[in-house]
């Protein structure tokens, strides 16, 4: 494991001690790969993923743009899917990544879509 990855994992464990998702207020978890970005709404009490969105979905992947722009689209997609489930509030889990760039774009897109955190 690289030094950068192990540092991110340490930050992630430190965050996860405090951030817990419930059925009424699930955890919005972000995973960022080099090419794509993925988000999930997770209920930690039952160990279930309620819904997910990613930049690999056909409607998002079809739109050309930068990775930050696709991150914003993913944020609005997860907000739309959570509204269908009747979820308005979430807890944001940045998964050890810096709140910057694509991670920040996902958060802004979700807030613009109507999610509160």
C-alpha atoms as a PDB file:
ATOM      1  CA  UNK A   1       0.000   0.000   0.000  1.00  0.00           C
ATOM      2  CA  UNK A   2       1.350   3.386  -0.947  1.00  0.00           C
ATOM      3  CA  UNK A   3       2.024   6.132   1.571  1.00  0.00           C
ATOM      4  CA  UNK A   4      -0.695   8.313   0.076  1.00  0.00           C
ATOM      5  CA  UNK A   5      -3.304   5.528   0.255  1.00  0.00           C
ATOM      6  CA  UNK A   6      -2.427   4.586   3.823  1.00  0.00           C
ATOM      7  CA  UNK A   7      -2.689   8.244   4.882  1.00  0.00           C
ATOM      8  CA  UNK A   8      -6.134   8.462   3.258  1.00  0.00           C
ATOM      9  CA  UNK A   9      -7.215   5.278   5.046  1.00  0.00           C
ATOM     10  CA  UNK A  10      -6.136   6.713   8.409  1.00  0.00           C
ATOM     11  CA  UNK A  11      -8.179   9.847   7.747  1.00  0.00           C
ATOM     12  CA  UNK A  12     -11.110   7.681   6.615  1.00  0.00           C
ATOM     13  CA  UNK A  13     -11.102   5.645   9.854  1.00  0.00           C
ATOM     14  CA  UNK A  14     -10.950   8.841  11.900  1.00  0.00           C
ATOM     15  CA  UNK A  15     -13.978  10.237  10.047  1.00  0.00           C
ATOM     16  CA  UNK A  16     -15.955   6.980  10.276  1.00  0.00           C
ATOM     17  CA  UNK A  17     -15.705   6.946  14.074  1.00  0.00           C
ATOM     18  CA  UNK A  18     -18.103   9.897  14.112  1.00  0.00           C
ATOM     19  CA  UNK A  19     -20.097   9.658  10.871  1.00  0.00           C
ATOM     20  CA  UNK A  20     -22.919   7.103  11.112  1.00  0.00           C
ATOM     21  CA  UNK A  21     -25.855   6.794   8.719  1.00  0.00           C
ATOM     22  CA  UNK A  22     -29.372   5.811   9.728  1.00  0.00           C
ATOM     23  CA  UNK A  23     -32.458   4.973   7.678  1.00  0.00           C
ATOM     24  CA  UNK A  24     -33.865   8.482   8.118  1.00  0.00           C
ATOM     25  CA  UNK A  25     -30.487  10.251   7.714  1.00  0.00           C
ATOM     26  CA  UNK A  26     -28.189   7.994   5.635  1.00  0.00           C
ATOM     27  CA  UNK A  27     -24.483   8.447   4.997  1.00  0.00           C
ATOM     28  CA  UNK A  28     -23.549   9.914   1.590  1.00  0.00           C
ATOM     29  CA  UNK A  29     -20.277   8.121   0.864  1.00  0.00           C
ATOM     30  CA  UNK A  30     -18.018   9.284  -1.970  1.00  0.00           C
ATOM     31  CA  UNK A  31     -15.460   7.099  -3.760  1.00  0.00           C
ATOM     32  CA  UNK A  32     -13.143   8.715  -6.259  1.00  0.00           C
ATOM     33  CA  UNK A  33     -11.112   6.721  -8.751  1.00  0.00           C
ATOM     34  CA  UNK A  34      -8.700   8.235 -11.244  1.00  0.00           C
ATOM     35  CA  UNK A  35     -11.347   8.286 -13.967  1.00  0.00           C
ATOM     36  CA  UNK A  36     -14.791   8.141 -12.328  1.00  0.00           C
ATOM     37  CA  UNK A  37     -16.618   9.114  -9.138  1.00  0.00           C
ATOM     38  CA  UNK A  38     -19.179   7.034  -7.267  1.00  0.00           C
ATOM     39  CA  UNK A  39     -21.595   7.944  -4.454  1.00  0.00           C
ATOM     40  CA  UNK A  40     -23.841   5.791  -2.274  1.00  0.00           C
ATOM     41  CA  UNK A  41     -26.509   6.434   0.329  1.00  0.00           C
ATOM     42  CA  UNK A  42     -25.818   3.940   3.109  1.00  0.00           C
ATOM     43  CA  UNK A  43     -27.886   2.921   6.141  1.00  0.00           C
ATOM     44  CA  UNK A  44     -25.206   1.736   8.594  1.00  0.00           C
ATOM     45  CA  UNK A  45     -27.686   0.403  11.165  1.00  0.00           C
ATOM     46  CA  UNK A  46     -29.008  -2.215   8.723  1.00  0.00           C
ATOM     47  CA  UNK A  47     -25.868  -2.422   6.588  1.00  0.00           C
ATOM     48  CA  UNK A  48     -27.697  -1.544   3.383  1.00  0.00           C
ATOM     49  CA  UNK A  49     -26.997   0.637   0.389  1.00  0.00           C
ATOM     50  CA  UNK A  50     -30.219   2.540  -0.260  1.00  0.00           C
ATOM     51  CA  UNK A  51     -29.262   4.015  -3.641  1.00  0.00           C
ATOM     52  CA  UNK A  52     -26.166   4.841  -5.661  1.00  0.00           C
ATOM     53  CA  UNK A  53     -25.027   6.999  -8.564  1.00  0.00           C
ATOM     54  CA  UNK A  54     -21.826   7.219 -10.549  1.00  0.00           C
ATOM     55  CA  UNK A  55     -20.226   8.989 -13.459  1.00  0.00           C
ATOM     56  CA  UNK A  56     -20.456   5.728 -15.417  1.00  0.00           C
ATOM     57  CA  UNK A  57     -24.244   5.934 -15.742  1.00  0.00           C
ATOM     58  CA  UNK A  58     -25.284   6.378 -19.362  1.00  0.00           C
ATOM     59  CA  UNK A  59     -26.910   9.800 -19.051  1.00  0.00           C
ATOM     60  CA  UNK A  60     -23.929  11.245 -17.155  1.00  0.00           C
ATOM     61  CA  UNK A  61     -21.240   9.535 -19.247  1.00  0.00           C
ATOM     62  CA  UNK A  62     -22.889  10.776 -22.448  1.00  0.00           C
ATOM     63  CA  UNK A  63     -22.321  14.401 -21.450  1.00  0.00           C
ATOM     64  CA  UNK A  64     -18.856  15.572 -22.339  1.00  0.00           C
ATOM     65  CA  UNK A  65     -17.016  17.731 -19.855  1.00  0.00           C
ATOM     66  CA  UNK A  66     -14.385  17.763 -17.165  1.00  0.00           C
ATOM     67  CA  UNK A  67     -14.286  15.336 -14.241  1.00  0.00           C
ATOM     68  CA  UNK A  68     -15.398  18.117 -11.890  1.00  0.00           C
ATOM     69  CA  UNK A  69     -18.456  18.803 -14.052  1.00  0.00           C
ATOM     70  CA  UNK A  70     -19.359  15.097 -14.075  1.00  0.00           C
ATOM     71  CA  UNK A  71     -18.968  15.112 -10.283  1.00  0.00           C
ATOM     72  CA  UNK A  72     -21.585  17.851 -10.047  1.00  0.00           C
ATOM     73  CA  UNK A  73     -23.910  15.811 -12.269  1.00  0.00           C
ATOM     74  CA  UNK A  74     -23.416  12.766 -10.011  1.00  0.00           C
ATOM     75  CA  UNK A  75     -24.328  14.905  -7.002  1.00  0.00           C
ATOM     76  CA  UNK A  76     -27.544  16.072  -8.622  1.00  0.00           C
ATOM     77  CA  UNK A  77     -28.337  12.470  -9.688  1.00  0.00           C
ATOM     78  CA  UNK A  78     -28.008  11.172  -6.115  1.00  0.00           C
ATOM     79  CA  UNK A  79     -30.181  14.052  -4.887  1.00  0.00           C
ATOM     80  CA  UNK A  80     -32.851  13.146  -7.431  1.00  0.00           C
ATOM     81  CA  UNK A  81     -32.741   9.445  -6.467  1.00  0.00           C
ATOM     82  CA  UNK A  82     -32.890  10.244  -2.751  1.00  0.00           C
ATOM     83  CA  UNK A  83     -35.908  12.511  -3.297  1.00  0.00           C
ATOM     84  CA  UNK A  84     -37.693   9.540  -4.894  1.00  0.00           C
ATOM     85  CA  UNK A  85     -37.015   7.585  -1.680  1.00  0.00           C
ATOM     86  CA  UNK A  86     -38.229  10.495   0.452  1.00  0.00           C
ATOM     87  CA  UNK A  87     -34.811  11.345   1.919  1.00  0.00           C
ATOM     88  CA  UNK A  88     -33.973  15.032   2.409  1.00  0.00           C
ATOM     89  CA  UNK A  89     -31.130  14.913   4.978  1.00  0.00           C
ATOM     90  CA  UNK A  90     -27.845  13.009   4.774  1.00  0.00           C
ATOM     91  CA  UNK A  91     -24.506  12.849   6.551  1.00  0.00           C
ATOM     92  CA  UNK A  92     -21.589  13.563   4.189  1.00  0.00           C
ATOM     93  CA  UNK A  93     -18.683  11.089   4.249  1.00  0.00           C
ATOM     94  CA  UNK A  94     -15.801  12.341   2.120  1.00  0.00           C
ATOM     95  CA  UNK A  95     -14.052   8.966   2.629  1.00  0.00           C
ATOM     96  CA  UNK A  96     -10.668  10.447   3.542  1.00  0.00           C
ATOM     97  CA  UNK A  97     -10.436  12.606   0.432  1.00  0.00           C
ATOM     98  CA  UNK A  98      -9.844  16.338   0.668  1.00  0.00           C
ATOM     99  CA  UNK A  99     -12.998  18.439   0.366  1.00  0.00           C
ATOM    100  CA  UNK A 100     -11.764  19.877  -2.897  1.00  0.00           C
ATOM    101  CA  UNK A 101     -12.310  19.430  -6.623  1.00  0.00           C
ATOM    102  CA  UNK A 102     -14.531  16.480  -7.549  1.00  0.00           C
ATOM    103  CA  UNK A 103     -15.578  15.686  -3.963  1.00  0.00           C
ATOM    104  CA  UNK A 104     -16.648  19.293  -3.433  1.00  0.00           C
ATOM    105  CA  UNK A 105     -18.487  19.258  -6.785  1.00  0.00           C
ATOM    106  CA  UNK A 106     -20.495  16.198  -5.713  1.00  0.00           C
ATOM    107  CA  UNK A 107     -21.470  17.945  -2.466  1.00  0.00           C
ATOM    108  CA  UNK A 108     -22.479  21.138  -4.283  1.00  0.00           C
ATOM    109  CA  UNK A 109     -24.499  19.194  -6.857  1.00  0.00           C
ATOM    110  CA  UNK A 110     -26.312  17.298  -4.108  1.00  0.00           C
ATOM    111  CA  UNK A 111     -27.071  20.526  -2.217  1.00  0.00           C
ATOM    112  CA  UNK A 112     -28.416  22.150  -5.385  1.00  0.00           C
ATOM    113  CA  UNK A 113     -30.571  19.050  -5.909  1.00  0.00           C
ATOM    114  CA  UNK A 114     -32.205  19.575  -2.525  1.00  0.00           C
ATOM    115  CA  UNK A 115     -30.204  17.431  -0.081  1.00  0.00           C
ATOM    116  CA  UNK A 116     -29.340  18.940   3.306  1.00  0.00           C
ATOM    117  CA  UNK A 117     -26.143  18.104   5.198  1.00  0.00           C
END
